[in-house]
Amino acid sequence: MLGLGFPLKFVGLIMECITSASSSISVNGNIHGFFKSKRGLRQGDPMAPTLFIFCIEYLSRLLNTKTKEGPFHFHKNCSELGISHLAFADDIMLFARGDFSSVKVMMDALDHFSKVSGLCLNPTKSNIFVAGKYRDASQDILQLANFPRGELPVRYLGLPLASHRISGSDYAPLFMKIDTFLGKWSTLKISYAGKLELIRAVIQGVESFWLQAFPVQKTVLNRITTLCRDFLWGSKFAKVAWVDICKPRNEGGLGLRDAETWNNALLCKALWNIAAKKDSLWVIWVHTVYLRNECMWVWQPRKRHSVFFKRLAYVRELLVQKLGDHNSSLEVAMQQFCIGDNLCPSKVYDFLRDKSNPKPWMAFIWHSPIPPKCSFTMWLALRGRLPTKTNLEFLGLPMECELCGDGVEDISHLFFGCCVSKQIWGAIRHWLRIDAQLTTLDRAIRWLRTARRGDPILKKARRIGLACTVFLIWKQRNAFHFERKPLNIDGVICNIKTMVYCVLGRVWPNVYLTF
């Protein structure tokens, strides 16, 4: 801290906090004794992150000073900017030409830092990487550094670093992480709607961490899609194609993201940062080493350039085709995807994805108060993808309705033509004061959307009631088919009313319901 120029009084106060700390040991839940801390703060001390930043800042300045004093030679791609190190939290990377004198300067700086701070490098967690013409003459360097020789690719900050294109096997940590999540969830009883939310919030979040860093191969993306699809449907039989699931809800999908399009959208952010010359060391380095005063909108990658920059050029051409603009105006055209000076990948994704015609009924079934499991069942029913007898005809099953035994069991018959369903609908229509004849789901939704204005609570109850009725009729059908539970029409009607009352009670907890 003295080397960084902090006042003596401030340094004294900090050292008092460090040297006066004491700790105790908990054995079987009981605290036993106190002992003085020789150095450092207690674990979890709020001052620890600040002191760590002081230490890393001192190390950074020390490395900059030592490399200028020499004899030191920068790595060939770092010499113009004078980059000797990168630090992320407690992970640090050092760069130098692979000669003995340059490595010795680095090691002397690390030894000096260890003496003044007490922080030492762990040889078992450190590696030295040698490439090019210095690969065969690296024995002296390895002995000097006393670190084991590492081989690329190596995992750094959760992602693989490699000098070549990332292969499928390098994505093993990603697959392992996804498999771990899915393995835990597969043992739980989760509805389709719950699985959908887990995929959206967790799996696609993990996926995005990798997609923003690499142009991921299609085979890898297809494998991730297969894992998510099998988890959602619980079998190899997918009720709806994944490409349809990845459409927005207002277009009949479930709002998940298509991995390949999302990968391109995230890479567009890197493309924009480079073109806009953002204040970032990486952007400055790209302009210095790759572009060399060329404009990113017209720059063409060379054969020797990495796959990452070749993919950026591909994404740029994709934008040119979609926007219909020339390169000279591409930067202006992309302003529509920005929030302030920052590109929004979600806006780019919406622009790049394939569009479908809007489905007005989707806003109705995904209405916020409706329980998601009911919305999901309604969604499958409206798409005609519930596994009714007609949809499973290829299995050679009898086509008779499970509930009434009369008529072919398709979606229209099961929910509106069956005598059991008619009794349930009759009670619900009377209860919710619906005077229209509901013969199909489409007609029911159309009537509820165009019904006259009236009591807002009753209108919301009708929406919820429709979704809950479809859900519980389907649940009753499955209980009879798979578990041979006897039909209980009054029980189904009671469950529908209970579910509607519970939902309305959460929305209007202090309102007295008159129906």
Foldseek 3Di string as FASTA:
>chain_A
DVVVPDDPVVVVVVVCQFFADKDWDADPNDTDDIDTDHGDHDPPDPCVVVVQVVLVVVLVVLLLVLCVVDPFAFDPLCRVVVDQWDDDRPDIDGTGAQDDRNLLSVVVSQVVSCVVPVDHDDLVPDEDEDDDPCPVVCPVVCVSVVHHHDDPQDADPNATDHPAADDPVRCVVLVVVLCVVLVVCLVDDDFLLRLVVCCQPPNVVSLLVVLLPHLDDPVNLVVSVVSSQCSNVVDPDRLDDPLQQCADLQQLHVNHHRSNLLSLLSLVQVLLCLQVVPPDPVSVSCCVRPVVPNHSLPDDGDPPDHPSSNVSNVSSVLQCVLQVDHSVCSNVVQCVQDDPSGGDSVSSSVSNDDDHDGDVCSCLLVPPLAPSSLSVLVSCLVVQRDPQCVVVVVVVDDQAQQQARDDGDGSQCLCAVHPLNVVLVVVVCVVLVPPDRDRDPVVLSVCLVPPDDDDPLSSVLSSNLVSLSSSLSVVQSCCCVPVVDDDDSVVSSVVSVVSSVVSSCVVPVPDDDDD
